[in-house]
Amino acid sequence: MRYHFILILIFLFLICGGCAKKDTEEQFPMLPKFEFTSTEGGTVNHEPFYNGVGVIAFVASWCGPCIREICELGELAANYENLKIVMLTYEQPDMMIKSADSMNIRLPIARADSAFFVTLQISTLPTRLLIDHGRIIFRVSGAPSTQDSQFLKTLEKAISGSSLSRNNSRKDFIK
């Protein structure tokens, strides 16, 4: 009898304690504030991502899947005209701009210091972060694809709760 009572208590504890998980702000880490030099010589910073929905992609010119990522970012920009998108690289941005220009993709590109990669735990290229008002709400590492249904569902949900008002171009992020 005593054994059954203990089992019931454990069962109730697991049910009540296990269901207490909620979508809290702690589950979605904040994007650190940043400011980097863009290919145009201005700066790219965190502000557009704190004021709306956006995508930050970490890429490199030597990375084959990153070339596909640039293409897919171009598709995202075309499908979501006002989505904020920026590409960050640890190498000279001129190397990335050649690839983007060859595909006729006009998105901001900036060089980020290696500490920023470490802070965001970027260990695989490409890595794509979906940001909603400063919070990192989704991460895809490796060879991301806009066809990833979970990424698109999360993007759609974030956009539906946001009012997007700016057209996307390299100049939108440069101060």
C-alpha atoms as a PDB file:
ATOM      1  CA  MET A   1       0.000   0.000   0.000  1.00  0.00           C
ATOM      2  CA  ARG A   2       2.765   2.406   0.962  1.00  0.00           C
ATOM      3  CA  TYR A   3       4.596   1.476  -2.260  1.00  0.00           C
ATOM      4  CA  HIS A   4       1.513   2.427  -4.321  1.00  0.00           C
ATOM      5  CA  PHE A   5       1.213   5.755  -2.538  1.00  0.00           C
ATOM      6  CA  ILE A   6       4.836   6.623  -3.356  1.00  0.00           C
ATOM      7  CA  LEU A   7       4.325   5.616  -7.004  1.00  0.00           C
ATOM      8  CA  ILE A   8       1.230   7.824  -7.224  1.00  0.00           C
ATOM      9  CA  LEU A   9       3.150  10.769  -5.746  1.00  0.00           C
ATOM     10  CA  ILE A  10       6.012  10.252  -8.199  1.00  0.00           C
ATOM     11  CA  PHE A  11       3.526   9.982 -11.069  1.00  0.00           C
ATOM     12  CA  LEU A  12       1.763  13.215 -10.022  1.00  0.00           C
ATOM     13  CA  PHE A  13       5.073  14.995  -9.604  1.00  0.00           C
ATOM     14  CA  LEU A  14       6.206  13.959 -13.075  1.00  0.00           C
ATOM     15  CA  ILE A  15       2.907  14.949 -14.682  1.00  0.00           C
ATOM     16  CA  CYS A  16       2.620  18.310 -12.931  1.00  0.00           C
ATOM     17  CA  GLY A  17       6.322  19.132 -13.032  1.00  0.00           C
ATOM     18  CA  GLY A  18       6.837  17.930 -16.585  1.00  0.00           C
ATOM     19  CA  CYS A  19       4.008  20.027 -17.972  1.00  0.00           C
ATOM     20  CA  ALA A  20       5.241  23.235 -16.418  1.00  0.00           C
ATOM     21  CA  LYS A  21       7.533  24.054 -19.351  1.00  0.00           C
ATOM     22  CA  LYS A  22       6.396  27.236 -21.073  1.00  0.00           C
ATOM     23  CA  ASP A  23       7.696  29.294 -23.979  1.00  0.00           C
ATOM     24  CA  THR A  24       9.552  31.822 -21.903  1.00  0.00           C
ATOM     25  CA  GLU A  25      12.044  34.454 -22.931  1.00  0.00           C
ATOM     26  CA  GLU A  26      14.825  32.309 -21.446  1.00  0.00           C
ATOM     27  CA  GLN A  27      14.230  29.744 -24.192  1.00  0.00           C
ATOM     28  CA  PHE A  28      14.989  32.374 -26.825  1.00  0.00           C
ATOM     29  CA  PRO A  29      18.376  33.998 -26.252  1.00  0.00           C
ATOM     30  CA  MET A  30      18.874  37.642 -27.105  1.00  0.00           C
ATOM     31  CA  LEU A  31      20.968  38.571 -30.100  1.00  0.00           C
ATOM     32  CA  PRO A  32      24.027  40.406 -28.767  1.00  0.00           C
ATOM     33  CA  LYS A  33      24.391  44.002 -29.842  1.00  0.00           C
ATOM     34  CA  PHE A  34      26.850  44.393 -32.687  1.00  0.00           C
ATOM     35  CA  GLU A  35      28.215  46.811 -35.243  1.00  0.00           C
ATOM     36  CA  PHE A  36      30.403  45.783 -38.182  1.00  0.00           C
ATOM     37  CA  THR A  37      31.728  47.463 -41.323  1.00  0.00           C
ATOM     38  CA  SER A  38      29.746  46.687 -44.455  1.00  0.00           C
ATOM     39  CA  THR A  39      30.974  46.196 -47.993  1.00  0.00           C
ATOM     40  CA  GLU A  40      29.819  49.744 -48.746  1.00  0.00           C
ATOM     41  CA  GLY A  41      32.034  51.112 -45.962  1.00  0.00           C
ATOM     42  CA  GLY A  42      29.157  51.928 -43.608  1.00  0.00           C
ATOM     43  CA  THR A  43      28.051  49.871 -40.645  1.00  0.00           C
ATOM     44  CA  VAL A  44      25.695  46.947 -40.174  1.00  0.00           C
ATOM     45  CA  ASN A  45      24.280  46.638 -36.681  1.00  0.00           C
ATOM     46  CA  HIS A  46      21.731  44.906 -34.455  1.00  0.00           C
ATOM     47  CA  GLU A  47      19.055  47.641 -34.540  1.00  0.00           C
ATOM     48  CA  PRO A  48      16.972  46.344 -37.480  1.00  0.00           C
ATOM     49  CA  PHE A  49      16.825  42.935 -35.778  1.00  0.00           C
ATOM     50  CA  TYR A  50      15.722  44.430 -32.458  1.00  0.00           C
ATOM     51  CA  ASN A  51      12.896  46.283 -34.225  1.00  0.00           C
ATOM     52  CA  GLY A  52      11.436  43.474 -36.310  1.00  0.00           C
ATOM     53  CA  VAL A  53      11.970  40.109 -37.933  1.00  0.00           C
ATOM     54  CA  GLY A  54      15.152  39.244 -39.785  1.00  0.00           C
ATOM     55  CA  VAL A  55      17.677  36.640 -40.839  1.00  0.00           C
ATOM     56  CA  ILE A  56      21.409  36.685 -40.157  1.00  0.00           C
ATOM     57  CA  ALA A  57      23.425  34.225 -42.240  1.00  0.00           C
ATOM     58  CA  PHE A  58      27.028  33.327 -41.424  1.00  0.00           C
ATOM     59  CA  VAL A  59      28.876  32.471 -44.640  1.00  0.00           C
ATOM     60  CA  ALA A  60      32.331  32.224 -46.233  1.00  0.00           C
ATOM     61  CA  SER A  61      33.488  32.398 -49.858  1.00  0.00           C
ATOM     62  CA  TRP A  62      35.309  29.025 -49.747  1.00  0.00           C
ATOM     63  CA  CYS A  63      32.207  27.220 -48.433  1.00  0.00           C
ATOM     64  CA  GLY A  64      30.283  25.426 -51.214  1.00  0.00           C
ATOM     65  CA  PRO A  65      26.986  25.205 -49.270  1.00  0.00           C
ATOM     66  CA  CYS A  66      27.330  28.936 -48.503  1.00  0.00           C
ATOM     67  CA  ILE A  67      26.966  29.709 -52.207  1.00  0.00           C
ATOM     68  CA  ARG A  68      23.642  27.838 -52.145  1.00  0.00           C
ATOM     69  CA  GLU A  69      22.765  29.720 -48.951  1.00  0.00           C
ATOM     70  CA  ILE A  70      23.297  33.052 -50.740  1.00  0.00           C
ATOM     71  CA  CYS A  71      20.907  31.853 -53.442  1.00  0.00           C
ATOM     72  CA  GLU A  72      18.327  30.841 -50.866  1.00  0.00           C
ATOM     73  CA  LEU A  73      18.676  34.149 -49.034  1.00  0.00           C
ATOM     74  CA  GLY A  74      17.936  35.815 -52.359  1.00  0.00           C
ATOM     75  CA  GLU A  75      14.781  33.691 -52.631  1.00  0.00           C
ATOM     76  CA  LEU A  76      13.762  34.669 -49.090  1.00  0.00           C
ATOM     77  CA  ALA A  77      14.307  38.332 -49.947  1.00  0.00           C
ATOM     78  CA  ALA A  78      12.144  37.927 -53.065  1.00  0.00           C
ATOM     79  CA  ASN A  79       9.372  36.058 -51.224  1.00  0.00           C
ATOM     80  CA  TYR A  80       9.402  38.282 -48.138  1.00  0.00           C
ATOM     81  CA  GLU A  81      10.131  41.685 -49.603  1.00  0.00           C
ATOM     82  CA  ASN A  82      10.509  43.498 -46.278  1.00  0.00           C
ATOM     83  CA  LEU A  83      12.373  40.797 -44.348  1.00  0.00           C
ATOM     84  CA  LYS A  84      15.649  42.103 -42.911  1.00  0.00           C
ATOM     85  CA  ILE A  85      18.519  39.914 -44.130  1.00  0.00           C
ATOM     86  CA  VAL A  86      22.260  40.302 -43.646  1.00  0.00           C
ATOM     87  CA  MET A  87      25.216  38.042 -44.404  1.00  0.00           C
ATOM     88  CA  LEU A  88      28.154  38.015 -41.997  1.00  0.00           C
ATOM     89  CA  THR A  89      31.564  36.576 -42.786  1.00  0.00           C
ATOM     90  CA  TYR A  90      34.875  36.442 -40.949  1.00  0.00           C
ATOM     91  CA  GLU A  91      36.853  37.065 -44.144  1.00  0.00           C
ATOM     92  CA  GLN A  92      37.073  40.181 -46.261  1.00  0.00           C
ATOM     93  CA  PRO A  93      33.483  40.885 -47.387  1.00  0.00           C
ATOM     94  CA  ASP A  94      34.657  41.663 -50.929  1.00  0.00           C
ATOM     95  CA  MET A  95      35.113  37.921 -51.413  1.00  0.00           C
ATOM     96  CA  MET A  96      31.428  37.330 -50.619  1.00  0.00           C
ATOM     97  CA  ILE A  97      30.127  40.277 -52.602  1.00  0.00           C
ATOM     98  CA  LYS A  98      31.551  38.798 -55.825  1.00  0.00           C
ATOM     99  CA  SER A  99      29.454  35.665 -55.308  1.00  0.00           C
ATOM    100  CA  ALA A 100      26.318  37.627 -54.404  1.00  0.00           C
ATOM    101  CA  ASP A 101      26.752  40.029 -57.316  1.00  0.00           C
ATOM    102  CA  SER A 102      27.256  37.155 -59.769  1.00  0.00           C
ATOM    103  CA  MET A 103      23.813  35.873 -58.701  1.00  0.00           C
ATOM    104  CA  ASN A 104      22.336  39.398 -58.802  1.00  0.00           C
ATOM    105  CA  ILE A 105      21.564  39.238 -55.074  1.00  0.00           C
ATOM    106  CA  ARG A 106      21.626  42.584 -53.311  1.00  0.00           C
ATOM    107  CA  LEU A 107      21.855  41.950 -49.585  1.00  0.00           C
ATOM    108  CA  PRO A 108      24.067  43.584 -46.985  1.00  0.00           C
ATOM    109  CA  ILE A 109      27.382  41.841 -46.316  1.00  0.00           C
ATOM    110  CA  ALA A 110      29.713  42.648 -43.433  1.00  0.00           C
ATOM    111  CA  ARG A 111      32.803  41.271 -41.766  1.00  0.00           C
ATOM    112  CA  ALA A 112      32.171  40.064 -38.208  1.00  0.00           C
ATOM    113  CA  ASP A 113      34.991  39.495 -35.770  1.00  0.00           C
ATOM    114  CA  SER A 114      35.675  35.938 -34.632  1.00  0.00           C
ATOM    115  CA  ALA A 115      34.483  36.774 -31.092  1.00  0.00           C
ATOM    116  CA  PHE A 116      30.974  37.326 -32.479  1.00  0.00           C
ATOM    117  CA  PHE A 117      31.055  33.865 -34.090  1.00  0.00           C
ATOM    118  CA  VAL A 118      32.160  32.379 -30.757  1.00  0.00           C
ATOM    119  CA  THR A 119      29.527  34.301 -28.770  1.00  0.00           C
ATOM    120  CA  LEU A 120      26.764  32.931 -31.001  1.00  0.00           C
ATOM    121  CA  GLN A 121      28.350  29.450 -31.060  1.00  0.00           C
ATOM    122  CA  ILE A 122      28.725  29.453 -34.844  1.00  0.00           C
ATOM    123  CA  SER A 123      30.860  26.411 -35.571  1.00  0.00           C
ATOM    124  CA  THR A 124      29.345  25.319 -38.895  1.00  0.00           C
ATOM    125  CA  LEU A 125      28.971  27.266 -42.114  1.00  0.00           C
ATOM    126  CA  PRO A 126      26.550  28.255 -43.295  1.00  0.00           C
ATOM    127  CA  THR A 127      24.462  28.987 -40.211  1.00  0.00           C
ATOM    128  CA  ARG A 128      21.213  30.908 -40.444  1.00  0.00           C
ATOM    129  CA  LEU A 129      19.578  32.650 -37.468  1.00  0.00           C
ATOM    130  CA  LEU A 130      15.963  33.810 -37.480  1.00  0.00           C
ATOM    131  CA  ILE A 131      15.580  36.844 -35.234  1.00  0.00           C
ATOM    132  CA  ASP A 132      12.297  38.232 -33.889  1.00  0.00           C
ATOM    133  CA  HIS A 133      12.630  41.563 -32.082  1.00  0.00           C
ATOM    134  CA  GLY A 134      16.111  40.768 -30.813  1.00  0.00           C
ATOM    135  CA  ARG A 135      15.469  37.137 -29.881  1.00  0.00           C
ATOM    136  CA  ILE A 136      17.024  34.218 -31.737  1.00  0.00           C
ATOM    137  CA  ILE A 137      13.974  32.056 -32.377  1.00  0.00           C
ATOM    138  CA  PHE A 138      15.374  29.555 -34.888  1.00  0.00           C
ATOM    139  CA  ARG A 139      18.788  28.277 -35.997  1.00  0.00           C
ATOM    140  CA  VAL A 140      19.720  26.168 -39.004  1.00  0.00           C
ATOM    141  CA  SER A 141      23.322  24.978 -39.353  1.00  0.00           C
ATOM    142  CA  GLY A 142      24.964  23.179 -42.212  1.00  0.00           C
ATOM    143  CA  ALA A 143      23.319  23.459 -45.602  1.00  0.00           C
ATOM    144  CA  PRO A 144      20.111  25.346 -44.730  1.00  0.00           C
ATOM    145  CA  SER A 145      17.229  25.375 -47.102  1.00  0.00           C
ATOM    146  CA  THR A 146      14.246  27.687 -47.480  1.00  0.00           C
ATOM    147  CA  GLN A 147      12.354  24.450 -48.100  1.00  0.00           C
ATOM    148  CA  ASP A 148      12.820  23.564 -44.403  1.00  0.00           C
ATOM    149  CA  SER A 149       9.175  23.550 -43.328  1.00  0.00           C
ATOM    150  CA  GLN A 150       9.901  24.274 -39.648  1.00  0.00           C
ATOM    151  CA  PHE A 151      12.011  27.317 -40.547  1.00  0.00           C
ATOM    152  CA  LEU A 152       9.256  28.613 -42.858  1.00  0.00           C
ATOM    153  CA  LYS A 153       6.522  27.985 -40.268  1.00  0.00           C
ATOM    154  CA  THR A 154       8.523  29.854 -37.631  1.00  0.00           C
ATOM    155  CA  LEU A 155       9.248  32.678 -40.093  1.00  0.00           C
ATOM    156  CA  GLU A 156       5.568  32.976 -41.064  1.00  0.00           C
ATOM    157  CA  LYS A 157       4.518  33.042 -37.403  1.00  0.00           C
ATOM    158  CA  ALA A 158       7.082  35.750 -36.592  1.00  0.00           C
ATOM    159  CA  ILE A 159       6.092  37.852 -39.601  1.00  0.00           C
ATOM    160  CA  SER A 160       2.381  37.572 -38.844  1.00  0.00           C
ATOM    161  CA  GLY A 161       3.033  39.157 -35.454  1.00  0.00           C
ATOM    162  CA  SER A 162       5.175  41.949 -36.883  1.00  0.00           C
ATOM    163  CA  SER A 163       4.596  44.913 -39.128  1.00  0.00           C
ATOM    164  CA  LEU A 164       7.280  45.000 -41.792  1.00  0.00           C
ATOM    165  CA  SER A 165       7.652  48.329 -43.533  1.00  0.00           C
ATOM    166  CA  ARG A 166      11.048  48.577 -45.224  1.00  0.00           C
ATOM    167  CA  ASN A 167      12.175  47.206 -48.540  1.00  0.00           C
ATOM    168  CA  ASN A 168      15.279  45.048 -48.369  1.00  0.00           C
ATOM    169  CA  SER A 169      18.503  46.280 -49.929  1.00  0.00           C
ATOM    170  CA  ARG A 170      22.117  46.606 -48.876  1.00  0.00           C
ATOM    171  CA  LYS A 171      21.590  50.275 -48.086  1.00  0.00           C
ATOM    172  CA  ASP A 172      18.772  49.515 -45.557  1.00  0.00           C
ATOM    173  CA  PHE A 173      21.318  48.262 -43.021  1.00  0.00           C
ATOM    174  CA  ILE A 174      24.110  50.696 -43.632  1.00  0.00           C
ATOM    175  CA  LYS A 175      24.438  53.847 -41.580  1.00  0.00           C
END
